[in-house]
């Protein structure tokens, strides 16, 4: 329900279906329970605003012994994720961003999103505005933890998308080779910051590039089940989520 509350800030094709899902789940709770859930989501928001360099929901999830041991669900501690993110970023991350305009980071078994959150914080420490320069891509087979990742990435202001599905049998695929047009329908959850102007323009130019490139003109080059690029792939409307505030680093925070 928290994930839907964030996702429906954006006018997506799945907004009405997700709203119905929200209302169906809300029927299971009393009024005071719904108020408590809203208070808890607020507490998560405040907690991450106070200290964004943490896996707030992931640590809570494992601390309450909610992990699925049968499925091997053991979240990597955040300090280990931070080390992994620093190693992955390397010493020339800023040069890569400067050269390519932006970079992407992908976690195909994201859990609560600790590794991606750590990467965002490493970028910030290196003076890189991850909200304009990094695309965050995540996937997990467990809908609950995938939504945890989605909530935390959204509250961090990280542009990207989370897919609910099995990374081995149904891995995330995209139109083109840039990750800006994921395939997966309602299983794809876009963060609000994915609709920031910079990413809107990048999708527009990527779409034009796919239409004009020789590969895009070859029918065999199109993904299975996809229509002609430029028709099936639409550029989302420019929508700024309400309640955005800019900090001194030029980054936005949600709520």
C-alpha atoms as a PDB file:
ATOM      1  CA  UNK A   1       0.000   0.000   0.000  1.00  0.00           C
ATOM      2  CA  UNK A   2       2.900   2.343   0.716  1.00  0.00           C
ATOM      3  CA  UNK A   3       4.425   1.567  -2.675  1.00  0.00           C
ATOM      4  CA  UNK A   4       1.122   2.258  -4.413  1.00  0.00           C
ATOM      5  CA  UNK A   5       0.790   5.563  -2.550  1.00  0.00           C
ATOM      6  CA  UNK A   6       4.116   6.634  -4.050  1.00  0.00           C
ATOM      7  CA  UNK A   7       3.640   5.089  -7.505  1.00  0.00           C
ATOM      8  CA  UNK A   8       0.261   6.712  -8.043  1.00  0.00           C
ATOM      9  CA  UNK A   9       1.791  10.162  -7.777  1.00  0.00           C
ATOM     10  CA  UNK A  10       2.601   9.469 -11.433  1.00  0.00           C
ATOM     11  CA  UNK A  11      -0.159   9.184 -14.009  1.00  0.00           C
ATOM     12  CA  UNK A  12       0.836   5.768 -15.383  1.00  0.00           C
ATOM     13  CA  UNK A  13      -1.260   3.289 -17.419  1.00  0.00           C
ATOM     14  CA  UNK A  14      -1.510   1.110 -14.300  1.00  0.00           C
ATOM     15  CA  UNK A  15      -2.659   3.827 -11.930  1.00  0.00           C
ATOM     16  CA  UNK A  16      -6.310   2.741 -11.782  1.00  0.00           C
ATOM     17  CA  UNK A  17      -5.453  -0.953 -11.379  1.00  0.00           C
ATOM     18  CA  UNK A  18      -3.076  -0.167  -8.551  1.00  0.00           C
ATOM     19  CA  UNK A  19      -5.641   2.095  -6.926  1.00  0.00           C
ATOM     20  CA  UNK A  20      -8.104  -0.803  -6.952  1.00  0.00           C
ATOM     21  CA  UNK A  21      -5.415  -3.024  -5.437  1.00  0.00           C
ATOM     22  CA  UNK A  22      -4.881  -0.438  -2.704  1.00  0.00           C
ATOM     23  CA  UNK A  23      -8.593  -0.248  -1.884  1.00  0.00           C
ATOM     24  CA  UNK A  24      -8.938  -4.033  -1.802  1.00  0.00           C
ATOM     25  CA  UNK A  25      -6.095  -4.309   0.678  1.00  0.00           C
ATOM     26  CA  UNK A  26      -7.414  -1.380   2.713  1.00  0.00           C
ATOM     27  CA  UNK A  27     -10.676  -3.257   3.280  1.00  0.00           C
ATOM     28  CA  UNK A  28      -8.806  -5.714   5.487  1.00  0.00           C
ATOM     29  CA  UNK A  29      -7.971  -3.036   8.044  1.00  0.00           C
ATOM     30  CA  UNK A  30      -9.895  -0.948  10.535  1.00  0.00           C
ATOM     31  CA  UNK A  31      -9.731   2.834  10.363  1.00  0.00           C
ATOM     32  CA  UNK A  32      -7.270   3.019  13.251  1.00  0.00           C
ATOM     33  CA  UNK A  33      -5.087   0.385  11.573  1.00  0.00           C
ATOM     34  CA  UNK A  34      -4.944   2.432   8.365  1.00  0.00           C
ATOM     35  CA  UNK A  35      -3.965   5.484  10.383  1.00  0.00           C
ATOM     36  CA  UNK A  36      -1.194   3.444  12.015  1.00  0.00           C
ATOM     37  CA  UNK A  37       0.053   2.288   8.592  1.00  0.00           C
ATOM     38  CA  UNK A  38       0.187   5.894   7.404  1.00  0.00           C
ATOM     39  CA  UNK A  39       2.102   6.839  10.541  1.00  0.00           C
ATOM     40  CA  UNK A  40       4.584   4.026   9.924  1.00  0.00           C
ATOM     41  CA  UNK A  41       5.186   5.121   6.325  1.00  0.00           C
ATOM     42  CA  UNK A  42       5.780   8.605   7.676  1.00  0.00           C
ATOM     43  CA  UNK A  43       8.286   7.182  10.158  1.00  0.00           C
ATOM     44  CA  UNK A  44      10.152   5.459   7.325  1.00  0.00           C
ATOM     45  CA  UNK A  45      10.236   8.736   5.404  1.00  0.00           C
ATOM     46  CA  UNK A  46      11.552  10.684   8.388  1.00  0.00           C
ATOM     47  CA  UNK A  47      14.074   7.956   9.213  1.00  0.00           C
ATOM     48  CA  UNK A  48      15.548   7.965   5.718  1.00  0.00           C
ATOM     49  CA  UNK A  49      15.530  11.748   5.567  1.00  0.00           C
ATOM     50  CA  UNK A  50      17.436  11.832   8.855  1.00  0.00           C
ATOM     51  CA  UNK A  51      19.956   9.214   7.705  1.00  0.00           C
ATOM     52  CA  UNK A  52      19.777   8.219   4.022  1.00  0.00           C
ATOM     53  CA  UNK A  53      22.968   6.169   4.335  1.00  0.00           C
ATOM     54  CA  UNK A  54      21.246   3.023   5.612  1.00  0.00           C
ATOM     55  CA  UNK A  55      18.947   0.145   4.644  1.00  0.00           C
ATOM     56  CA  UNK A  56      16.073   1.222   6.874  1.00  0.00           C
ATOM     57  CA  UNK A  57      13.445  -1.320   5.784  1.00  0.00           C
ATOM     58  CA  UNK A  58      15.902  -4.138   5.077  1.00  0.00           C
ATOM     59  CA  UNK A  59      17.362  -4.074   8.559  1.00  0.00           C
ATOM     60  CA  UNK A  60      13.891  -3.853  10.079  1.00  0.00           C
ATOM     61  CA  UNK A  61      12.738  -6.791   7.930  1.00  0.00           C
ATOM     62  CA  UNK A  62      15.598  -9.048   8.981  1.00  0.00           C
ATOM     63  CA  UNK A  63      15.486  -7.825  12.584  1.00  0.00           C
ATOM     64  CA  UNK A  64      11.887  -9.041  12.807  1.00  0.00           C
ATOM     65  CA  UNK A  65      12.909 -12.435  11.339  1.00  0.00           C
ATOM     66  CA  UNK A  66      10.669 -11.956   8.320  1.00  0.00           C
ATOM     67  CA  UNK A  67      13.232 -13.344   5.860  1.00  0.00           C
ATOM     68  CA  UNK A  68      12.284 -16.475   3.926  1.00  0.00           C
ATOM     69  CA  UNK A  69      14.991 -18.935   4.986  1.00  0.00           C
ATOM     70  CA  UNK A  70      13.624 -21.636   2.659  1.00  0.00           C
ATOM     71  CA  UNK A  71      14.279 -19.324  -0.281  1.00  0.00           C
ATOM     72  CA  UNK A  72      17.736 -18.376   1.007  1.00  0.00           C
ATOM     73  CA  UNK A  73      16.598 -14.859   1.785  1.00  0.00           C
ATOM     74  CA  UNK A  74      19.332 -13.296   3.888  1.00  0.00           C
ATOM     75  CA  UNK A  75      19.953  -9.611   3.250  1.00  0.00           C
ATOM     76  CA  UNK A  76      23.549  -8.479   2.949  1.00  0.00           C
ATOM     77  CA  UNK A  77      24.420  -6.127   5.844  1.00  0.00           C
ATOM     78  CA  UNK A  78      24.468  -2.511   4.763  1.00  0.00           C
ATOM     79  CA  UNK A  79      28.107  -1.877   5.655  1.00  0.00           C
ATOM     80  CA  UNK A  80      29.090  -4.764   3.353  1.00  0.00           C
ATOM     81  CA  UNK A  81      26.883  -3.319   0.604  1.00  0.00           C
ATOM     82  CA  UNK A  82      28.593   0.040   1.085  1.00  0.00           C
ATOM     83  CA  UNK A  83      31.992  -1.574   0.612  1.00  0.00           C
ATOM     84  CA  UNK A  84      30.751  -3.386  -2.514  1.00  0.00           C
ATOM     85  CA  UNK A  85      29.380  -0.117  -3.871  1.00  0.00           C
ATOM     86  CA  UNK A  86      32.695   1.680  -3.299  1.00  0.00           C
ATOM     87  CA  UNK A  87      34.601  -1.098  -5.070  1.00  0.00           C
ATOM     88  CA  UNK A  88      32.134  -1.115  -7.973  1.00  0.00           C
ATOM     89  CA  UNK A  89      32.246   2.669  -8.311  1.00  0.00           C
ATOM     90  CA  UNK A  90      36.029   2.734  -8.505  1.00  0.00           C
ATOM     91  CA  UNK A  91      38.111   5.877  -8.764  1.00  0.00           C
ATOM     92  CA  UNK A  92      36.932   7.080 -12.181  1.00  0.00           C
ATOM     93  CA  UNK A  93      33.177   7.171 -11.637  1.00  0.00           C
ATOM     94  CA  UNK A  94      33.007  10.927 -12.144  1.00  0.00           C
ATOM     95  CA  UNK A  95      34.927  10.569 -15.418  1.00  0.00           C
ATOM     96  CA  UNK A  96      32.438   7.952 -16.626  1.00  0.00           C
ATOM     97  CA  UNK A  97      29.523  10.245 -15.871  1.00  0.00           C
ATOM     98  CA  UNK A  98      31.282  13.160 -17.540  1.00  0.00           C
ATOM     99  CA  UNK A  99      32.050  11.070 -20.629  1.00  0.00           C
ATOM    100  CA  UNK A 100      28.696   9.323 -21.061  1.00  0.00           C
ATOM    101  CA  UNK A 101      26.333  11.834 -19.472  1.00  0.00           C
ATOM    102  CA  UNK A 102      24.928   9.219 -17.114  1.00  0.00           C
ATOM    103  CA  UNK A 103      25.464   5.670 -15.901  1.00  0.00           C
ATOM    104  CA  UNK A 104      23.253   2.817 -14.710  1.00  0.00           C
ATOM    105  CA  UNK A 105      23.499   0.352 -11.849  1.00  0.00           C
ATOM    106  CA  UNK A 106      21.552  -2.917 -11.665  1.00  0.00           C
ATOM    107  CA  UNK A 107      20.820  -5.347  -8.834  1.00  0.00           C
ATOM    108  CA  UNK A 108      18.916  -8.424 -10.163  1.00  0.00           C
ATOM    109  CA  UNK A 109      18.285  -9.750  -6.637  1.00  0.00           C
ATOM    110  CA  UNK A 110      17.732  -6.476  -4.844  1.00  0.00           C
ATOM    111  CA  UNK A 111      16.038  -7.408  -1.589  1.00  0.00           C
ATOM    112  CA  UNK A 112      15.283  -4.143   0.180  1.00  0.00           C
ATOM    113  CA  UNK A 113      17.648  -2.286  -2.154  1.00  0.00           C
ATOM    114  CA  UNK A 114      20.650  -1.951   0.177  1.00  0.00           C
ATOM    115  CA  UNK A 115      23.273  -2.220  -2.562  1.00  0.00           C
ATOM    116  CA  UNK A 116      21.560   0.417  -4.708  1.00  0.00           C
ATOM    117  CA  UNK A 117      21.061   2.735  -1.733  1.00  0.00           C
ATOM    118  CA  UNK A 118      24.735   2.328  -0.873  1.00  0.00           C
ATOM    119  CA  UNK A 119      25.722   3.143  -4.464  1.00  0.00           C
ATOM    120  CA  UNK A 120      23.625   6.323  -4.330  1.00  0.00           C
ATOM    121  CA  UNK A 121      25.378   7.367  -1.134  1.00  0.00           C
ATOM    122  CA  UNK A 122      28.813   6.595  -2.594  1.00  0.00           C
ATOM    123  CA  UNK A 123      27.929   8.809  -5.553  1.00  0.00           C
ATOM    124  CA  UNK A 124      26.909  11.616  -3.239  1.00  0.00           C
ATOM    125  CA  UNK A 125      30.190  11.368  -1.333  1.00  0.00           C
ATOM    126  CA  UNK A 126      32.045  11.589  -4.643  1.00  0.00           C
ATOM    127  CA  UNK A 127      30.156  14.763  -5.546  1.00  0.00           C
ATOM    128  CA  UNK A 128      27.984  13.061  -8.182  1.00  0.00           C
ATOM    129  CA  UNK A 129      24.305  13.983  -8.307  1.00  0.00           C
ATOM    130  CA  UNK A 130      22.818  10.497  -8.596  1.00  0.00           C
ATOM    131  CA  UNK A 131      19.347  11.944  -9.201  1.00  0.00           C
ATOM    132  CA  UNK A 132      20.434  13.351 -12.546  1.00  0.00           C
ATOM    133  CA  UNK A 133      23.297  11.016 -13.454  1.00  0.00           C
ATOM    134  CA  UNK A 134      22.473   7.463 -12.338  1.00  0.00           C
ATOM    135  CA  UNK A 135      19.700   5.109 -13.451  1.00  0.00           C
ATOM    136  CA  UNK A 136      18.817   2.555 -10.762  1.00  0.00           C
ATOM    137  CA  UNK A 137      17.496  -0.809 -11.980  1.00  0.00           C
ATOM    138  CA  UNK A 138      16.303  -3.525  -9.606  1.00  0.00           C
ATOM    139  CA  UNK A 139      14.469  -6.829  -9.620  1.00  0.00           C
ATOM    140  CA  UNK A 140      13.375  -9.383  -7.040  1.00  0.00           C
ATOM    141  CA  UNK A 141      11.134 -12.447  -7.081  1.00  0.00           C
ATOM    142  CA  UNK A 142       9.561 -11.538  -3.721  1.00  0.00           C
ATOM    143  CA  UNK A 143       6.899  -8.825  -4.198  1.00  0.00           C
ATOM    144  CA  UNK A 144       7.201  -7.642  -0.587  1.00  0.00           C
ATOM    145  CA  UNK A 145      10.922  -6.961  -0.659  1.00  0.00           C
ATOM    146  CA  UNK A 146      10.728  -5.581  -4.215  1.00  0.00           C
ATOM    147  CA  UNK A 147       8.246  -3.010  -2.907  1.00  0.00           C
ATOM    148  CA  UNK A 148      10.571  -2.294   0.014  1.00  0.00           C
ATOM    149  CA  UNK A 149      13.285  -1.519  -2.529  1.00  0.00           C
ATOM    150  CA  UNK A 150      10.875   0.616  -4.525  1.00  0.00           C
ATOM    151  CA  UNK A 151       9.838   2.634  -1.470  1.00  0.00           C
ATOM    152  CA  UNK A 152      13.409   3.269  -0.369  1.00  0.00           C
ATOM    153  CA  UNK A 153      14.669   4.204  -3.845  1.00  0.00           C
ATOM    154  CA  UNK A 154      11.711   6.557  -4.232  1.00  0.00           C
ATOM    155  CA  UNK A 155      12.278   8.215  -0.868  1.00  0.00           C
ATOM    156  CA  UNK A 156      15.965   8.659  -1.754  1.00  0.00           C
ATOM    157  CA  UNK A 157      14.933  10.385  -4.957  1.00  0.00           C
ATOM    158  CA  UNK A 158      16.626   7.744  -7.098  1.00  0.00           C
ATOM    159  CA  UNK A 159      15.453   7.630 -10.739  1.00  0.00           C
ATOM    160  CA  UNK A 160      14.818   4.127 -12.027  1.00  0.00           C
ATOM    161  CA  UNK A 161      12.518   1.142 -11.943  1.00  0.00           C
ATOM    162  CA  UNK A 162      11.931  -2.059  -9.995  1.00  0.00           C
ATOM    163  CA  UNK A 163      10.623  -5.253 -11.567  1.00  0.00           C
ATOM    164  CA  UNK A 164       8.776  -7.918  -9.605  1.00  0.00           C
ATOM    165  CA  UNK A 165       9.787 -11.275 -11.068  1.00  0.00           C
ATOM    166  CA  UNK A 166      12.285 -14.115 -11.236  1.00  0.00           C
ATOM    167  CA  UNK A 167      15.622 -12.826 -12.526  1.00  0.00           C
ATOM    168  CA  UNK A 168      16.577 -16.302 -13.781  1.00  0.00           C
ATOM    169  CA  UNK A 169      13.430 -17.288 -15.680  1.00  0.00           C
ATOM    170  CA  UNK A 170      12.072 -13.806 -16.426  1.00  0.00           C
ATOM    171  CA  UNK A 171      14.970 -11.342 -16.374  1.00  0.00           C
ATOM    172  CA  UNK A 172      14.397  -7.667 -16.954  1.00  0.00           C
ATOM    173  CA  UNK A 173      14.705  -6.770 -20.625  1.00  0.00           C
ATOM    174  CA  UNK A 174      14.492  -3.387 -22.317  1.00  0.00           C
ATOM    175  CA  UNK A 175      13.778  -1.907 -25.708  1.00  0.00           C
ATOM    176  CA  UNK A 176      17.167  -0.719 -26.930  1.00  0.00           C
ATOM    177  CA  UNK A 177      20.432  -1.087 -25.029  1.00  0.00           C
ATOM    178  CA  UNK A 178      20.159   1.777 -22.552  1.00  0.00           C
ATOM    179  CA  UNK A 179      17.659   0.537 -19.947  1.00  0.00           C
ATOM    180  CA  UNK A 180      15.289   3.462 -20.383  1.00  0.00           C
ATOM    181  CA  UNK A 181      12.382   1.410 -21.763  1.00  0.00           C
ATOM    182  CA  UNK A 182      11.942  -1.730 -19.636  1.00  0.00           C
ATOM    183  CA  UNK A 183       9.606  -4.497 -20.796  1.00  0.00           C
ATOM    184  CA  UNK A 184       7.266  -5.991 -18.220  1.00  0.00           C
ATOM    185  CA  UNK A 185       3.997  -4.076 -18.042  1.00  0.00           C
ATOM    186  CA  UNK A 186       2.452  -3.720 -14.608  1.00  0.00           C
ATOM    187  CA  UNK A 187       5.321  -5.668 -13.031  1.00  0.00           C
ATOM    188  CA  UNK A 188       7.523  -2.603 -13.582  1.00  0.00           C
ATOM    189  CA  UNK A 189       7.364   0.081 -10.908  1.00  0.00           C
ATOM    190  CA  UNK A 190       8.848   3.449 -11.895  1.00  0.00           C
ATOM    191  CA  UNK A 191      10.148   5.766  -9.200  1.00  0.00           C
ATOM    192  CA  UNK A 192       8.836   9.365  -9.295  1.00  0.00           C
ATOM    193  CA  UNK A 193      12.307  10.741 -10.082  1.00  0.00           C
ATOM    194  CA  UNK A 194      12.383   8.678 -13.275  1.00  0.00           C
ATOM    195  CA  UNK A 195      10.086  11.395 -14.649  1.00  0.00           C
ATOM    196  CA  UNK A 196      12.429  14.252 -13.848  1.00  0.00           C
ATOM    197  CA  UNK A 197      13.167  16.437 -16.895  1.00  0.00           C
ATOM    198  CA  UNK A 198      16.669  15.069 -17.513  1.00  0.00           C
ATOM    199  CA  UNK A 199      15.353  11.532 -17.835  1.00  0.00           C
ATOM    200  CA  UNK A 200      12.386  12.635 -19.911  1.00  0.00           C
ATOM    201  CA  UNK A 201      14.755  14.146 -22.466  1.00  0.00           C
ATOM    202  CA  UNK A 202      17.043  11.107 -22.421  1.00  0.00           C
ATOM    203  CA  UNK A 203      14.103   8.831 -23.176  1.00  0.00           C
ATOM    204  CA  UNK A 204      13.023  11.138 -25.975  1.00  0.00           C
ATOM    205  CA  UNK A 205      16.464  11.132 -27.605  1.00  0.00           C
ATOM    206  CA  UNK A 206      16.846   7.374 -27.064  1.00  0.00           C
ATOM    207  CA  UNK A 207      13.498   6.804 -28.744  1.00  0.00           C
ATOM    208  CA  UNK A 208      14.517   8.944 -31.711  1.00  0.00           C
ATOM    209  CA  UNK A 209      17.807   7.062 -31.905  1.00  0.00           C
ATOM    210  CA  UNK A 210      16.003   3.691 -31.958  1.00  0.00           C
ATOM    211  CA  UNK A 211      13.697   4.884 -34.719  1.00  0.00           C
ATOM    212  CA  UNK A 212      16.558   6.183 -36.866  1.00  0.00           C
ATOM    213  CA  UNK A 213      19.125   3.454 -36.215  1.00  0.00           C
ATOM    214  CA  UNK A 214      19.523   0.728 -38.883  1.00  0.00           C
ATOM    215  CA  UNK A 215      18.821  -1.999 -36.312  1.00  0.00           C
ATOM    216  CA  UNK A 216      15.496  -0.444 -35.409  1.00  0.00           C
ATOM    217  CA  UNK A 217      14.429  -0.540 -39.067  1.00  0.00           C
ATOM    218  CA  UNK A 218      15.030  -4.280 -39.247  1.00  0.00           C
ATOM    219  CA  UNK A 219      11.920  -6.238 -38.093  1.00  0.00           C
ATOM    220  CA  UNK A 220      14.058  -9.133 -36.817  1.00  0.00           C
ATOM    221  CA  UNK A 221      15.848  -6.745 -34.453  1.00  0.00           C
ATOM    222  CA  UNK A 222      12.715  -5.904 -32.487  1.00  0.00           C
ATOM    223  CA  UNK A 223      12.171  -7.653 -29.142  1.00  0.00           C
ATOM    224  CA  UNK A 224       9.741 -10.559 -29.193  1.00  0.00           C
ATOM    225  CA  UNK A 225       6.176  -9.351 -28.907  1.00  0.00           C
ATOM    226  CA  UNK A 226       7.121  -5.706 -29.418  1.00  0.00           C
ATOM    227  CA  UNK A 227       5.534  -3.437 -31.984  1.00  0.00           C
ATOM    228  CA  UNK A 228       7.444  -0.999 -34.155  1.00  0.00           C
ATOM    229  CA  UNK A 229       9.678   1.260 -32.035  1.00  0.00           C
ATOM    230  CA  UNK A 230       8.174   4.700 -31.803  1.00  0.00           C
ATOM    231  CA  UNK A 231       4.651   3.305 -31.661  1.00  0.00           C
ATOM    232  CA  UNK A 232       4.769   0.752 -28.849  1.00  0.00           C
ATOM    233  CA  UNK A 233       7.390   2.780 -26.993  1.00  0.00           C
ATOM    234  CA  UNK A 234       5.867   6.011 -25.794  1.00  0.00           C
ATOM    235  CA  UNK A 235       7.543   8.833 -23.939  1.00  0.00           C
ATOM    236  CA  UNK A 236       5.785   9.350 -20.581  1.00  0.00           C
ATOM    237  CA  UNK A 237       4.334  12.808 -19.969  1.00  0.00           C
ATOM    238  CA  UNK A 238       6.419  15.315 -18.089  1.00  0.00           C
ATOM    239  CA  UNK A 239       4.954  15.138 -14.605  1.00  0.00           C
ATOM    240  CA  UNK A 240       6.603  16.677 -11.587  1.00  0.00           C
ATOM    241  CA  UNK A 241       5.513  14.943  -8.357  1.00  0.00           C
ATOM    242  CA  UNK A 242       4.197  17.378  -5.748  1.00  0.00           C
ATOM    243  CA  UNK A 243       6.155  18.241  -2.662  1.00  0.00           C
ATOM    244  CA  UNK A 244       9.634  18.343  -4.240  1.00  0.00           C
ATOM    245  CA  UNK A 245      12.300  20.352  -2.451  1.00  0.00           C
ATOM    246  CA  UNK A 246      15.801  21.185  -3.676  1.00  0.00           C
ATOM    247  CA  UNK A 247      18.774  20.922  -1.335  1.00  0.00           C
ATOM    248  CA  UNK A 248      22.111  22.745  -1.576  1.00  0.00           C
ATOM    249  CA  UNK A 249      23.563  20.042  -3.847  1.00  0.00           C
ATOM    250  CA  UNK A 250      20.822  20.618  -6.402  1.00  0.00           C
ATOM    251  CA  UNK A 251      19.160  17.308  -5.509  1.00  0.00           C
ATOM    252  CA  UNK A 252      15.458  16.796  -4.938  1.00  0.00           C
ATOM    253  CA  UNK A 253      13.866  15.175  -1.922  1.00  0.00           C
ATOM    254  CA  UNK A 254      10.390  13.710  -1.956  1.00  0.00           C
ATOM    255  CA  UNK A 255       7.811  14.870   0.604  1.00  0.00           C
END
